[in-house]
C-alpha atoms as a PDB file:
ATOM      1  CA  MET A   1      33.836  21.545 -39.519  1.00  0.00           C
ATOM      2  CA  LYS A   2      32.467  18.611 -37.856  1.00  0.00           C
ATOM      3  CA  LEU A   3      28.698  17.983 -38.644  1.00  0.00           C
ATOM      4  CA  PHE A   4      28.008  15.418 -35.963  1.00  0.00           C
ATOM      5  CA  ASN A   5      29.667  15.322 -32.419  1.00  0.00           C
ATOM      6  CA  PHE A   6      28.959  12.081 -30.979  1.00  0.00           C
ATOM      7  CA  ARG A   7      30.221  13.079 -27.347  1.00  0.00           C
ATOM      8  CA  PHE A   8      27.293  16.045 -27.340  1.00  0.00           C
ATOM      9  CA  PHE A   9      24.452  13.807 -28.667  1.00  0.00           C
ATOM     10  CA  ILE A  10      25.358  10.912 -25.806  1.00  0.00           C
ATOM     11  CA  ARG A  11      25.330  13.409 -23.278  1.00  0.00           C
ATOM     12  CA  ILE A  12      21.912  14.765 -24.484  1.00  0.00           C
ATOM     13  CA  VAL A  13      20.134  11.176 -24.967  1.00  0.00           C
ATOM     14  CA  LEU A  14      21.729  10.445 -21.092  1.00  0.00           C
ATOM     15  CA  ILE A  15      20.143  13.520 -19.874  1.00  0.00           C
ATOM     16  CA  SER A  16      16.905  13.062 -21.575  1.00  0.00           C
ATOM     17  CA  ILE A  17      16.295   9.291 -20.490  1.00  0.00           C
ATOM     18  CA  THR A  18      17.317  10.204 -16.777  1.00  0.00           C
ATOM     19  CA  VAL A  19      14.943  13.075 -16.836  1.00  0.00           C
ATOM     20  CA  LEU A  20      12.287  10.901 -18.230  1.00  0.00           C
ATOM     21  CA  VAL A  21      13.115   8.138 -15.360  1.00  0.00           C
ATOM     22  CA  PHE A  22      12.571  10.632 -12.481  1.00  0.00           C
ATOM     23  CA  THR A  23       9.537  12.565 -13.693  1.00  0.00           C
ATOM     24  CA  SER A  24       7.798   8.950 -14.571  1.00  0.00           C
ATOM     25  CA  CYS A  25       8.760   6.625 -12.034  1.00  0.00           C
ATOM     26  CA  SER A  26       7.793   7.526  -8.414  1.00  0.00           C
ATOM     27  CA  ASN A  27       6.905   5.719  -5.466  1.00  0.00           C
ATOM     28  CA  SER A  28       4.430   7.775  -4.500  1.00  0.00           C
ATOM     29  CA  SER A  29       1.292   7.930  -6.543  1.00  0.00           C
ATOM     30  CA  ASN A  30      -0.451  11.444  -7.407  1.00  0.00           C
ATOM     31  CA  ASP A  31      -3.513   9.270  -8.903  1.00  0.00           C
ATOM     32  CA  SER A  32      -6.459   9.570  -6.279  1.00  0.00           C
ATOM     33  CA  ASN A  33      -8.034   6.929  -8.158  1.00  0.00           C
ATOM     34  CA  ALA A  34      -5.445   4.225  -7.836  1.00  0.00           C
ATOM     35  CA  CYS A  35      -6.974   0.892  -6.240  1.00  0.00           C
ATOM     36  CA  PRO A  36      -5.302  -2.107  -5.073  1.00  0.00           C
ATOM     37  CA  MET A  37      -4.801  -4.986  -7.929  1.00  0.00           C
ATOM     38  CA  THR A  38      -8.142  -6.555  -6.855  1.00  0.00           C
ATOM     39  CA  VAL A  39     -10.975  -4.765  -5.408  1.00  0.00           C
ATOM     40  CA  ASP A  40     -13.396  -6.236  -2.787  1.00  0.00           C
ATOM     41  CA  THR A  41     -16.857  -6.877  -3.752  1.00  0.00           C
ATOM     42  CA  ILE A  42     -19.162  -5.227  -1.291  1.00  0.00           C
ATOM     43  CA  ASN A  43     -23.177  -6.052  -0.725  1.00  0.00           C
ATOM     44  CA  ILE A  44     -25.175  -4.636   2.230  1.00  0.00           C
ATOM     45  CA  LEU A  45     -27.166  -7.719   3.077  1.00  0.00           C
ATOM     46  CA  ASP A  46     -29.565  -6.569   6.284  1.00  0.00           C
ATOM     47  CA  LYS A  47     -30.633  -3.718   7.912  1.00  0.00           C
ATOM     48  CA  LYS A  48     -32.190  -3.590  11.483  1.00  0.00           C
ATOM     49  CA  ILE A  49     -33.327  -0.981  13.499  1.00  0.00           C
ATOM     50  CA  VAL A  50     -32.450  -1.232  17.395  1.00  0.00           C
ATOM     51  CA  GLY A  51     -33.509   1.353  19.772  1.00  0.00           C
ATOM     52  CA  ASN A  52     -32.233   4.606  17.870  1.00  0.00           C
ATOM     53  CA  THR A  53     -29.500   2.958  15.791  1.00  0.00           C
ATOM     54  CA  GLU A  54     -29.571   1.527  12.605  1.00  0.00           C
ATOM     55  CA  TYR A  55     -27.272  -1.529  11.822  1.00  0.00           C
ATOM     56  CA  TYR A  56     -26.203  -2.281   8.578  1.00  0.00           C
ATOM     57  CA  LEU A  57     -24.715  -5.897   8.034  1.00  0.00           C
ATOM     58  CA  VAL A  58     -21.990  -5.883   4.808  1.00  0.00           C
ATOM     59  CA  LEU A  59     -20.653  -9.264   3.141  1.00  0.00           C
ATOM     60  CA  ARG A  60     -17.240  -8.195   1.797  1.00  0.00           C
ATOM     61  CA  VAL A  61     -15.778 -10.572  -0.511  1.00  0.00           C
ATOM     62  CA  SER A  62     -11.859 -10.351  -0.927  1.00  0.00           C
ATOM     63  CA  GLY A  63      -9.125 -11.905  -2.650  1.00  0.00           C
ATOM     64  CA  TRP A  64      -8.734 -12.919  -6.419  1.00  0.00           C
ATOM     65  CA  HIS A  65      -8.436 -16.761  -6.641  1.00  0.00           C
ATOM     66  CA  ASP A  66      -8.240 -17.310  -2.838  1.00  0.00           C
ATOM     67  CA  LYS A  67     -11.492 -15.737  -2.270  1.00  0.00           C
ATOM     68  CA  SER A  68     -12.550 -14.662   1.432  1.00  0.00           C
ATOM     69  CA  GLU A  69     -15.824 -13.639   2.875  1.00  0.00           C
ATOM     70  CA  ILE A  70     -15.725 -11.130   5.731  1.00  0.00           C
ATOM     71  CA  VAL A  71     -19.007  -9.851   7.431  1.00  0.00           C
ATOM     72  CA  GLU A  72     -18.820  -6.380   8.678  1.00  0.00           C
ATOM     73  CA  LEU A  73     -21.478  -4.700  10.934  1.00  0.00           C
ATOM     74  CA  TYR A  74     -21.726  -0.878  11.121  1.00  0.00           C
ATOM     75  CA  ASN A  75     -24.073   1.177  13.382  1.00  0.00           C
ATOM     76  CA  MET A  76     -24.257   3.890  10.809  1.00  0.00           C
ATOM     77  CA  LYS A  77     -24.982   3.444   6.917  1.00  0.00           C
ATOM     78  CA  PRO A  78     -21.691   3.225   5.083  1.00  0.00           C
ATOM     79  CA  SER A  79     -20.796   4.188   1.640  1.00  0.00           C
ATOM     80  CA  PHE A  80     -17.972   2.738  -0.162  1.00  0.00           C
ATOM     81  CA  ASP A  81     -15.629   4.364  -2.806  1.00  0.00           C
ATOM     82  CA  HIS A  82     -14.596   2.483  -5.950  1.00  0.00           C
ATOM     83  CA  CYS A  83     -11.903   1.003  -4.182  1.00  0.00           C
ATOM     84  CA  SER A  84     -14.526  -0.604  -1.624  1.00  0.00           C
ATOM     85  CA  ILE A  85     -12.993   1.808   0.924  1.00  0.00           C
ATOM     86  CA  SER A  86     -16.038   2.892   3.767  1.00  0.00           C
ATOM     87  CA  ASN A  87     -16.080   6.159   4.875  1.00  0.00           C
ATOM     88  CA  LEU A  88     -16.742   4.371   8.244  1.00  0.00           C
ATOM     89  CA  GLU A  89     -15.045   1.784  10.439  1.00  0.00           C
ATOM     90  CA  PRO A  90     -17.192  -1.142  11.049  1.00  0.00           C
ATOM     91  CA  ILE A  91     -17.965  -2.048  14.881  1.00  0.00           C
ATOM     92  CA  TYR A  92     -17.422  -5.432  14.402  1.00  0.00           C
ATOM     93  CA  GLY A  93     -15.948  -7.793  11.435  1.00  0.00           C
ATOM     94  CA  ASP A  94     -14.965 -11.633  11.232  1.00  0.00           C
ATOM     95  CA  SER A  95     -14.097 -14.076   8.414  1.00  0.00           C
ATOM     96  CA  LEU A  96     -16.482 -16.846   7.306  1.00  0.00           C
ATOM     97  CA  GLU A  97     -15.978 -20.354   6.829  1.00  0.00           C
ATOM     98  CA  LEU A  98     -16.173 -20.780   3.226  1.00  0.00           C
ATOM     99  CA  ASP A  99     -16.689 -24.753   3.399  1.00  0.00           C
ATOM    100  CA  LYS A 100     -19.814 -24.363   5.637  1.00  0.00           C
ATOM    101  CA  THR A 101     -23.157 -22.405   5.243  1.00  0.00           C
ATOM    102  CA  VAL A 102     -23.776 -19.943   7.954  1.00  0.00           C
ATOM    103  CA  THR A 103     -27.359 -20.299   9.535  1.00  0.00           C
ATOM    104  CA  HIS A 104     -27.657 -17.572  11.945  1.00  0.00           C
ATOM    105  CA  LEU A 105     -25.687 -14.437  13.101  1.00  0.00           C
ATOM    106  CA  TYR A 106     -26.217 -13.216  16.763  1.00  0.00           C
ATOM    107  CA  PHE A 107     -25.117  -9.892  17.428  1.00  0.00           C
ATOM    108  CA  ASP A 108     -24.731  -8.977  21.332  1.00  0.00           C
ATOM    109  CA  ILE A 109     -24.815  -5.216  21.624  1.00  0.00           C
ATOM    110  CA  GLU A 110     -23.471  -5.252  25.260  1.00  0.00           C
ATOM    111  CA  THR A 111     -20.488  -7.399  24.504  1.00  0.00           C
ATOM    112  CA  LYS A 112     -20.281  -6.353  21.227  1.00  0.00           C
ATOM    113  CA  SER A 113     -19.649  -9.843  19.808  1.00  0.00           C
ATOM    114  CA  LEU A 114     -20.621 -11.985  17.090  1.00  0.00           C
ATOM    115  CA  ASN A 115     -21.993 -15.656  17.258  1.00  0.00           C
ATOM    116  CA  ILE A 116     -22.316 -17.468  13.932  1.00  0.00           C
ATOM    117  CA  GLU A 117     -23.234 -20.606  13.547  1.00  0.00           C
ATOM    118  CA  TYR A 118     -22.781 -22.851  10.439  1.00  0.00           C
ATOM    119  CA  LYS A 119     -24.260 -26.013   8.893  1.00  0.00           C
ATOM    120  CA  ASP A 120     -22.436 -28.974   8.274  1.00  0.00           C
ATOM    121  CA  GLY A 121     -22.129 -30.193   4.685  1.00  0.00           C
ATOM    122  CA  GLU A 122     -21.484 -28.472   1.223  1.00  0.00           C
ATOM    123  CA  PRO A 123     -22.751 -24.880   0.910  1.00  0.00           C
ATOM    124  CA  SER A 124     -25.141 -23.704  -1.447  1.00  0.00           C
ATOM    125  CA  LYS A 125     -24.508 -21.627  -4.562  1.00  0.00           C
ATOM    126  CA  ALA A 126     -26.076 -18.747  -2.625  1.00  0.00           C
ATOM    127  CA  HIS A 127     -23.725 -19.585   0.348  1.00  0.00           C
ATOM    128  CA  ASN A 128     -23.718 -16.573   2.409  1.00  0.00           C
ATOM    129  CA  LYS A 129     -25.362 -14.004   0.085  1.00  0.00           C
ATOM    130  CA  ASN A 130     -28.933 -13.920   2.068  1.00  0.00           C
ATOM    131  CA  LEU A 131     -27.842 -13.399   5.520  1.00  0.00           C
ATOM    132  CA  LYS A 132     -29.594 -11.496   8.214  1.00  0.00           C
ATOM    133  CA  ILE A 133     -28.360 -10.291  11.537  1.00  0.00           C
ATOM    134  CA  GLU A 134     -30.371 -11.237  15.064  1.00  0.00           C
ATOM    135  CA  PHE A 135     -29.358  -9.163  17.860  1.00  0.00           C
ATOM    136  CA  LYS A 136     -29.219 -10.379  21.748  1.00  0.00           C
END
């Protein structure tokens, strides 16, 4: 009588490893709370009422080491989940030049265009945190 069947043991170990690999590793995530490695920082900077519409100016800081700043304009109040994803699409969005300070943001409602005016020189620490939107 054999006390230990080596082939049977190896077969059980291989089946166990295969089951673990297929059940634990998957390309699709069932975790609805999964966010990218770096989550954007969101700040609602300004709110203006033009006619019957409330416009919201949002500053999105994206990236880990090489950050980029993006201004987004919404025509309703956006809300953001824990991954910084908005429930609305912005009506306009544009990246800012990080080596300059923004002096004015003008939005033309008719053409849906944004004009960004910059000041030369080194940007301040507050950089673009106090932006206000103006409408033409």
